[in-house]
N, C-alpha and C. Protein backbone atom coordinates (compact mmCIF):
# COMPACT_ATOMS: atom_id res chain seq x y z
N MET A 1 -4.92 -19.21 0.37
CA MET A 1 -3.73 -18.44 0.24
C MET A 1 -2.88 -18.52 1.50
N GLU A 2 -3.52 -18.57 2.66
CA GLU A 2 -2.74 -18.66 3.89
C GLU A 2 -2.01 -19.99 3.98
N ARG A 3 -0.90 -19.98 4.69
CA ARG A 3 -0.07 -21.17 4.79
C ARG A 3 -0.07 -21.71 6.21
N THR A 4 0.36 -22.94 6.30
CA THR A 4 0.52 -23.55 7.61
C THR A 4 1.90 -24.17 7.76
N ASP A 5 2.78 -23.98 6.76
CA ASP A 5 4.08 -24.64 6.77
C ASP A 5 5.11 -23.96 7.66
N LYS A 6 4.94 -22.72 8.02
CA LYS A 6 5.91 -22.01 8.85
C LYS A 6 5.19 -21.26 9.95
N ALA A 7 5.86 -21.12 11.04
CA ALA A 7 5.28 -20.38 12.16
C ALA A 7 5.15 -18.90 11.82
N THR A 8 4.09 -18.29 12.29
CA THR A 8 3.91 -16.87 12.05
C THR A 8 4.79 -16.06 12.99
N THR A 9 5.18 -14.90 12.51
CA THR A 9 5.90 -13.93 13.33
C THR A 9 4.89 -13.09 14.09
N TYR A 10 3.74 -12.84 13.45
CA TYR A 10 2.72 -11.98 14.04
C TYR A 10 1.38 -12.27 13.38
N ARG A 11 0.29 -12.18 14.15
CA ARG A 11 -1.06 -12.34 13.62
C ARG A 11 -2.01 -11.50 14.45
N GLU A 12 -2.88 -10.78 13.77
CA GLU A 12 -3.84 -9.93 14.46
C GLU A 12 -5.09 -9.76 13.59
N THR A 13 -6.25 -9.79 14.22
CA THR A 13 -7.52 -9.51 13.55
C THR A 13 -8.19 -8.37 14.28
N ARG A 14 -8.65 -7.39 13.51
CA ARG A 14 -9.33 -6.23 14.09
C ARG A 14 -10.62 -5.96 13.34
N ARG A 15 -11.59 -5.45 14.04
CA ARG A 15 -12.93 -5.18 13.52
C ARG A 15 -13.00 -3.79 12.89
N VAL A 16 -13.76 -3.66 11.81
CA VAL A 16 -14.05 -2.39 11.16
C VAL A 16 -15.56 -2.22 11.16
N GLU A 17 -16.02 -1.10 11.68
CA GLU A 17 -17.46 -0.85 11.77
C GLU A 17 -17.95 -0.05 10.57
N LYS A 18 -19.16 -0.34 10.15
CA LYS A 18 -19.80 0.38 9.05
C LYS A 18 -19.86 1.87 9.37
N GLY A 19 -19.43 2.69 8.43
CA GLY A 19 -19.56 4.13 8.55
C GLY A 19 -18.68 4.81 9.58
N ASP A 20 -17.75 4.10 10.18
CA ASP A 20 -16.90 4.69 11.22
C ASP A 20 -15.69 5.39 10.58
N PHE A 21 -15.96 6.55 9.98
CA PHE A 21 -14.89 7.28 9.30
C PHE A 21 -13.93 7.94 10.27
N ALA A 22 -14.36 8.17 11.51
CA ALA A 22 -13.47 8.74 12.52
C ALA A 22 -12.32 7.79 12.83
N ALA A 23 -12.58 6.49 12.80
CA ALA A 23 -11.55 5.49 13.09
C ALA A 23 -10.86 4.98 11.83
N ALA A 24 -11.41 5.32 10.67
CA ALA A 24 -10.86 4.80 9.41
C ALA A 24 -9.41 5.20 9.26
N GLY A 25 -8.58 4.24 9.00
CA GLY A 25 -7.15 4.46 8.84
C GLY A 25 -6.33 4.06 10.05
N GLN A 26 -6.97 3.87 11.20
CA GLN A 26 -6.23 3.50 12.41
C GLN A 26 -5.61 2.11 12.32
N ILE A 27 -6.33 1.17 11.73
CA ILE A 27 -5.80 -0.19 11.61
C ILE A 27 -4.61 -0.19 10.67
N SER A 28 -4.75 0.43 9.50
CA SER A 28 -3.64 0.44 8.55
C SER A 28 -2.43 1.17 9.14
N ALA A 29 -2.65 2.24 9.92
CA ALA A 29 -1.54 2.93 10.57
C ALA A 29 -0.85 2.03 11.60
N SER A 30 -1.65 1.24 12.33
CA SER A 30 -1.04 0.34 13.32
C SER A 30 -0.25 -0.76 12.63
N TYR A 31 -0.74 -1.26 11.49
CA TYR A 31 0.01 -2.26 10.73
C TYR A 31 1.34 -1.67 10.26
N LYS A 32 1.29 -0.46 9.74
CA LYS A 32 2.50 0.21 9.25
C LYS A 32 3.53 0.33 10.37
N ASN A 33 3.11 0.79 11.53
CA ASN A 33 4.04 0.96 12.66
C ASN A 33 4.59 -0.38 13.14
N MET A 34 3.74 -1.40 13.20
CA MET A 34 4.19 -2.72 13.65
C MET A 34 5.21 -3.29 12.67
N LEU A 35 4.97 -3.15 11.37
CA LEU A 35 5.89 -3.69 10.38
C LEU A 35 7.23 -2.96 10.41
N LYS A 36 7.20 -1.67 10.66
CA LYS A 36 8.45 -0.91 10.83
C LYS A 36 9.24 -1.45 12.01
N ARG A 37 8.54 -1.70 13.14
CA ARG A 37 9.22 -2.24 14.33
C ARG A 37 9.82 -3.61 14.06
N LEU A 38 9.16 -4.39 13.19
CA LEU A 38 9.68 -5.72 12.84
C LEU A 38 10.83 -5.64 11.84
N GLY A 39 11.11 -4.45 11.32
CA GLY A 39 12.21 -4.28 10.38
C GLY A 39 11.88 -4.65 8.95
N VAL A 40 10.61 -4.64 8.59
CA VAL A 40 10.21 -4.96 7.22
C VAL A 40 10.67 -3.83 6.30
N ASP A 41 11.12 -4.18 5.11
CA ASP A 41 11.58 -3.23 4.11
C ASP A 41 10.54 -2.12 3.91
N SER A 42 11.01 -0.87 3.84
CA SER A 42 10.10 0.29 3.76
C SER A 42 9.23 0.27 2.51
N LYS A 43 9.72 -0.31 1.41
CA LYS A 43 8.90 -0.39 0.19
C LYS A 43 7.72 -1.32 0.39
N VAL A 44 7.93 -2.42 1.08
CA VAL A 44 6.84 -3.36 1.38
C VAL A 44 5.87 -2.72 2.36
N VAL A 45 6.40 -2.05 3.38
CA VAL A 45 5.56 -1.38 4.37
C VAL A 45 4.65 -0.37 3.67
N ARG A 46 5.19 0.40 2.75
CA ARG A 46 4.41 1.41 2.04
C ARG A 46 3.28 0.77 1.23
N ARG A 47 3.61 -0.27 0.47
CA ARG A 47 2.59 -0.94 -0.35
C ARG A 47 1.50 -1.55 0.52
N LEU A 48 1.89 -2.18 1.61
CA LEU A 48 0.90 -2.80 2.50
C LEU A 48 0.06 -1.72 3.19
N ALA A 49 0.66 -0.60 3.56
CA ALA A 49 -0.09 0.48 4.19
C ALA A 49 -1.16 1.02 3.25
N ILE A 50 -0.82 1.19 1.99
CA ILE A 50 -1.79 1.68 1.01
C ILE A 50 -2.92 0.67 0.84
N ALA A 51 -2.56 -0.60 0.64
CA ALA A 51 -3.57 -1.64 0.43
C ALA A 51 -4.47 -1.81 1.65
N SER A 52 -3.89 -1.77 2.84
CA SER A 52 -4.70 -1.96 4.04
C SER A 52 -5.61 -0.75 4.28
N TYR A 53 -5.14 0.45 3.97
CA TYR A 53 -5.98 1.64 4.10
C TYR A 53 -7.18 1.55 3.15
N GLU A 54 -6.91 1.17 1.91
CA GLU A 54 -7.99 1.03 0.93
C GLU A 54 -9.01 -0.02 1.38
N ALA A 55 -8.53 -1.13 1.91
CA ALA A 55 -9.43 -2.18 2.39
C ALA A 55 -10.26 -1.68 3.57
N GLU A 56 -9.60 -0.99 4.48
CA GLU A 56 -10.28 -0.48 5.68
C GLU A 56 -11.37 0.53 5.30
N ILE A 57 -11.05 1.43 4.39
CA ILE A 57 -12.04 2.42 3.94
C ILE A 57 -13.20 1.72 3.22
N ASN A 58 -12.89 0.76 2.37
CA ASN A 58 -13.96 0.03 1.67
C ASN A 58 -14.88 -0.67 2.66
N LEU A 59 -14.33 -1.24 3.72
CA LEU A 59 -15.16 -1.89 4.74
C LEU A 59 -16.10 -0.87 5.39
N ALA A 60 -15.58 0.32 5.70
CA ALA A 60 -16.41 1.35 6.34
C ALA A 60 -17.47 1.89 5.39
N ILE A 61 -17.16 2.01 4.11
CA ILE A 61 -18.08 2.61 3.14
C ILE A 61 -19.15 1.62 2.66
N HIS A 62 -18.73 0.44 2.24
CA HIS A 62 -19.58 -0.42 1.43
C HIS A 62 -20.21 -1.60 2.15
N THR A 63 -19.91 -1.81 3.42
CA THR A 63 -20.35 -3.04 4.08
C THR A 63 -21.14 -2.76 5.35
N LEU A 64 -21.61 -3.82 5.94
CA LEU A 64 -22.27 -3.73 7.24
C LEU A 64 -21.26 -3.94 8.36
N GLY A 65 -19.99 -3.94 8.02
CA GLY A 65 -18.90 -4.16 8.97
C GLY A 65 -18.12 -5.39 8.57
N GLY A 66 -16.96 -5.52 9.15
CA GLY A 66 -16.13 -6.66 8.81
C GLY A 66 -14.87 -6.68 9.64
N SER A 67 -13.87 -7.38 9.12
CA SER A 67 -12.62 -7.50 9.85
C SER A 67 -11.44 -7.47 8.90
N MET A 68 -10.30 -7.09 9.47
CA MET A 68 -9.04 -7.14 8.76
C MET A 68 -8.08 -7.98 9.58
N THR A 69 -7.41 -8.89 8.91
CA THR A 69 -6.44 -9.76 9.56
C THR A 69 -5.11 -9.61 8.85
N ILE A 70 -4.05 -9.47 9.62
CA ILE A 70 -2.70 -9.47 9.07
C ILE A 70 -1.98 -10.68 9.65
N VAL A 71 -1.29 -11.40 8.79
CA VAL A 71 -0.50 -12.56 9.20
C VAL A 71 0.90 -12.38 8.62
N VAL A 72 1.89 -12.33 9.50
CA VAL A 72 3.27 -12.10 9.07
C VAL A 72 4.06 -13.39 9.24
N TYR A 73 4.65 -13.84 8.14
CA TYR A 73 5.57 -14.97 8.13
C TYR A 73 6.97 -14.42 7.87
N PRO A 74 8.00 -15.22 8.06
CA PRO A 74 9.36 -14.73 7.79
C PRO A 74 9.58 -14.25 6.35
N ASP A 75 8.83 -14.81 5.39
CA ASP A 75 9.06 -14.47 3.99
C ASP A 75 7.85 -13.84 3.28
N GLN A 76 6.75 -13.69 3.97
CA GLN A 76 5.53 -13.19 3.32
C GLN A 76 4.56 -12.63 4.35
N ILE A 77 3.77 -11.66 3.93
CA ILE A 77 2.70 -11.11 4.76
C ILE A 77 1.39 -11.31 4.01
N TYR A 78 0.37 -11.72 4.73
CA TYR A 78 -0.97 -11.83 4.16
C TYR A 78 -1.88 -10.83 4.85
N LEU A 79 -2.70 -10.18 4.06
CA LEU A 79 -3.70 -9.25 4.56
C LEU A 79 -5.05 -9.74 4.05
N ILE A 80 -5.99 -9.97 4.98
CA ILE A 80 -7.30 -10.51 4.63
C ILE A 80 -8.37 -9.55 5.13
N ALA A 81 -9.23 -9.10 4.22
CA ALA A 81 -10.36 -8.24 4.57
C ALA A 81 -11.63 -9.04 4.30
N GLU A 82 -12.45 -9.20 5.33
CA GLU A 82 -13.70 -9.96 5.20
C GLU A 82 -14.84 -9.09 5.68
N ASP A 83 -15.97 -9.15 4.97
CA ASP A 83 -17.08 -8.32 5.38
C ASP A 83 -18.41 -9.04 5.31
N ILE A 84 -19.35 -8.43 6.00
CA ILE A 84 -20.75 -8.80 5.88
C ILE A 84 -21.35 -7.65 5.09
N GLY A 85 -21.97 -7.97 4.01
CA GLY A 85 -22.47 -6.85 3.23
C GLY A 85 -23.20 -7.26 1.99
N PRO A 86 -23.33 -6.29 1.11
CA PRO A 86 -24.11 -6.55 -0.08
C PRO A 86 -23.42 -7.48 -1.07
N GLY A 87 -22.12 -7.63 -0.95
CA GLY A 87 -21.37 -8.40 -1.94
C GLY A 87 -21.16 -7.56 -3.19
N ILE A 88 -20.41 -8.09 -4.11
CA ILE A 88 -20.10 -7.39 -5.36
C ILE A 88 -20.70 -8.20 -6.51
N ALA A 89 -21.65 -7.61 -7.21
CA ALA A 89 -22.34 -8.31 -8.29
C ALA A 89 -21.44 -8.54 -9.50
N ASP A 90 -20.60 -7.56 -9.83
CA ASP A 90 -19.75 -7.64 -11.02
C ASP A 90 -18.33 -7.26 -10.62
N ILE A 91 -17.52 -8.25 -10.27
CA ILE A 91 -16.16 -8.00 -9.80
C ILE A 91 -15.31 -7.33 -10.88
N ASP A 92 -15.45 -7.76 -12.14
CA ASP A 92 -14.67 -7.13 -13.21
C ASP A 92 -14.95 -5.63 -13.30
N LEU A 93 -16.21 -5.25 -13.19
CA LEU A 93 -16.58 -3.83 -13.22
C LEU A 93 -16.02 -3.11 -11.99
N ALA A 94 -16.15 -3.74 -10.82
CA ALA A 94 -15.66 -3.13 -9.58
C ALA A 94 -14.15 -2.94 -9.59
N MET A 95 -13.43 -3.74 -10.36
CA MET A 95 -11.97 -3.63 -10.43
C MET A 95 -11.52 -2.52 -11.37
N GLN A 96 -12.43 -1.91 -12.11
CA GLN A 96 -12.06 -0.84 -13.03
C GLN A 96 -11.82 0.46 -12.27
N GLU A 97 -10.70 1.12 -12.57
CA GLU A 97 -10.39 2.39 -11.93
C GLU A 97 -11.50 3.39 -12.18
N GLY A 98 -11.94 4.04 -11.11
CA GLY A 98 -12.97 5.06 -11.21
C GLY A 98 -14.38 4.58 -11.00
N TYR A 99 -14.60 3.26 -11.04
CA TYR A 99 -15.95 2.74 -10.81
C TYR A 99 -16.21 2.71 -9.30
N SER A 100 -17.34 3.26 -8.90
CA SER A 100 -17.66 3.29 -7.47
C SER A 100 -19.17 3.24 -7.26
N THR A 101 -19.55 2.58 -6.20
CA THR A 101 -20.95 2.57 -5.79
C THR A 101 -21.15 3.40 -4.53
N ALA A 102 -20.15 4.21 -4.17
CA ALA A 102 -20.23 5.05 -2.97
C ALA A 102 -21.33 6.10 -3.13
N SER A 103 -21.98 6.39 -2.03
CA SER A 103 -23.04 7.41 -2.03
C SER A 103 -22.44 8.80 -2.22
N GLU A 104 -23.30 9.74 -2.58
CA GLU A 104 -22.87 11.14 -2.72
C GLU A 104 -22.34 11.67 -1.39
N GLU A 105 -22.97 11.27 -0.29
CA GLU A 105 -22.53 11.68 1.04
C GLU A 105 -21.09 11.23 1.31
N VAL A 106 -20.78 10.00 0.97
CA VAL A 106 -19.44 9.46 1.16
C VAL A 106 -18.44 10.19 0.27
N ARG A 107 -18.84 10.48 -0.95
CA ARG A 107 -17.96 11.20 -1.88
C ARG A 107 -17.66 12.61 -1.38
N MET A 108 -18.65 13.23 -0.75
CA MET A 108 -18.44 14.57 -0.21
C MET A 108 -17.46 14.56 0.96
N LEU A 109 -17.29 13.41 1.60
CA LEU A 109 -16.29 13.26 2.66
C LEU A 109 -14.89 13.03 2.09
N GLY A 110 -14.81 12.86 0.77
CA GLY A 110 -13.51 12.67 0.13
C GLY A 110 -13.16 11.22 -0.16
N PHE A 111 -14.14 10.32 0.01
CA PHE A 111 -13.92 8.89 -0.25
C PHE A 111 -14.74 8.47 -1.47
N GLY A 112 -14.56 7.23 -1.89
CA GLY A 112 -15.41 6.67 -2.94
C GLY A 112 -15.02 7.05 -4.35
N ALA A 113 -13.72 7.23 -4.59
CA ALA A 113 -13.25 7.61 -5.93
C ALA A 113 -13.13 6.43 -6.88
N GLY A 114 -13.35 5.23 -6.38
CA GLY A 114 -13.27 4.06 -7.25
C GLY A 114 -11.86 3.56 -7.48
N MET A 115 -10.96 3.82 -6.55
CA MET A 115 -9.58 3.37 -6.69
C MET A 115 -9.20 2.31 -5.67
N GLY A 116 -10.10 1.98 -4.74
CA GLY A 116 -9.79 1.05 -3.66
C GLY A 116 -9.32 -0.31 -4.13
N LEU A 117 -10.18 -1.02 -4.85
CA LEU A 117 -9.81 -2.37 -5.31
C LEU A 117 -8.63 -2.34 -6.28
N PRO A 118 -8.61 -1.43 -7.28
CA PRO A 118 -7.42 -1.38 -8.15
C PRO A 118 -6.13 -1.10 -7.39
N ASN A 119 -6.17 -0.21 -6.39
CA ASN A 119 -4.96 0.07 -5.61
C ASN A 119 -4.54 -1.13 -4.78
N MET A 120 -5.50 -1.86 -4.22
CA MET A 120 -5.16 -3.07 -3.46
C MET A 120 -4.43 -4.07 -4.36
N LYS A 121 -4.98 -4.28 -5.54
CA LYS A 121 -4.37 -5.24 -6.47
C LYS A 121 -2.98 -4.76 -6.91
N ARG A 122 -2.86 -3.48 -7.22
CA ARG A 122 -1.60 -2.92 -7.71
C ARG A 122 -0.50 -3.00 -6.64
N CYS A 123 -0.87 -2.82 -5.39
CA CYS A 123 0.12 -2.77 -4.30
C CYS A 123 0.53 -4.15 -3.80
N SER A 124 -0.28 -5.16 -4.02
CA SER A 124 0.02 -6.50 -3.49
C SER A 124 0.70 -7.37 -4.55
N ASP A 125 1.40 -8.38 -4.07
CA ASP A 125 2.05 -9.34 -4.98
C ASP A 125 1.06 -10.40 -5.44
N THR A 126 0.13 -10.76 -4.57
CA THR A 126 -0.95 -11.69 -4.94
C THR A 126 -2.26 -11.07 -4.47
N PHE A 127 -3.32 -11.29 -5.22
CA PHE A 127 -4.61 -10.67 -4.92
C PHE A 127 -5.72 -11.63 -5.32
N GLU A 128 -6.60 -11.93 -4.37
CA GLU A 128 -7.78 -12.77 -4.63
C GLU A 128 -8.99 -12.07 -4.06
N ILE A 129 -10.08 -12.08 -4.81
CA ILE A 129 -11.33 -11.52 -4.31
C ILE A 129 -12.45 -12.51 -4.57
N ASN A 130 -13.21 -12.80 -3.54
CA ASN A 130 -14.37 -13.68 -3.64
C ASN A 130 -15.54 -12.95 -3.04
N SER A 131 -16.66 -12.97 -3.75
CA SER A 131 -17.82 -12.23 -3.27
C SER A 131 -19.09 -12.97 -3.63
N GLU A 132 -20.06 -12.89 -2.72
CA GLU A 132 -21.38 -13.46 -2.96
C GLU A 132 -22.40 -12.38 -2.64
N VAL A 133 -23.22 -12.05 -3.64
CA VAL A 133 -24.23 -11.02 -3.46
C VAL A 133 -25.15 -11.40 -2.31
N GLY A 134 -25.38 -10.44 -1.43
CA GLY A 134 -26.24 -10.65 -0.27
C GLY A 134 -25.55 -11.29 0.92
N VAL A 135 -24.30 -11.68 0.75
CA VAL A 135 -23.56 -12.35 1.83
C VAL A 135 -22.34 -11.54 2.25
N GLY A 136 -21.45 -11.26 1.32
CA GLY A 136 -20.25 -10.50 1.65
C GLY A 136 -19.09 -10.79 0.73
N THR A 137 -17.96 -10.21 1.07
CA THR A 137 -16.77 -10.27 0.23
C THR A 137 -15.55 -10.59 1.09
N THR A 138 -14.63 -11.38 0.53
CA THR A 138 -13.34 -11.64 1.15
C THR A 138 -12.26 -11.29 0.14
N ILE A 139 -11.30 -10.49 0.60
CA ILE A 139 -10.16 -10.11 -0.23
C ILE A 139 -8.91 -10.60 0.48
N ARG A 140 -8.07 -11.32 -0.25
CA ARG A 140 -6.80 -11.82 0.29
C ARG A 140 -5.65 -11.24 -0.53
N MET A 141 -4.72 -10.60 0.17
CA MET A 141 -3.57 -10.03 -0.50
C MET A 141 -2.29 -10.60 0.12
N GLY A 142 -1.30 -10.82 -0.72
CA GLY A 142 0.00 -11.31 -0.26
C GLY A 142 1.09 -10.34 -0.62
N PHE A 143 2.08 -10.21 0.27
CA PHE A 143 3.20 -9.30 0.08
C PHE A 143 4.48 -10.07 0.38
N LYS A 144 5.33 -10.23 -0.63
CA LYS A 144 6.58 -10.97 -0.47
C LYS A 144 7.59 -10.14 0.29
N LEU A 145 8.31 -10.80 1.19
CA LEU A 145 9.36 -10.14 1.96
C LEU A 145 10.75 -10.46 1.44
N MET A 146 10.86 -11.47 0.60
CA MET A 146 12.19 -11.86 0.08
C MET A 146 12.15 -11.95 -1.41
């Protein structure tokens, strides 16, 4: 999904730690602020902020840790979430609204409602998910700027 035909305006990769709910949301907030400074349309900023927050929370809840990368081109933004973790055995099931494998402890914290992956797909213009059980998952989202 990533391109090499045009120079990037901005690129950053940040780490997300397993179970770090105190920091959860900081990456997506920093993306939102950076995109505002770059003058990105507020509707795109909002959609990307929602998708990146969902990805960040999923990394903290369901994985052994991972990373989020944002790549900004003049006409498109890519958001990539990669993790080390259990992987997703049934992607179609995981994409259903309300389906969650979050623990009761996580749910009591207010997370794990089963809307993460559906919200990521709904908010992005392009969405790809690849997962291997026992290895991890990569999610690639694209957001058009023009």
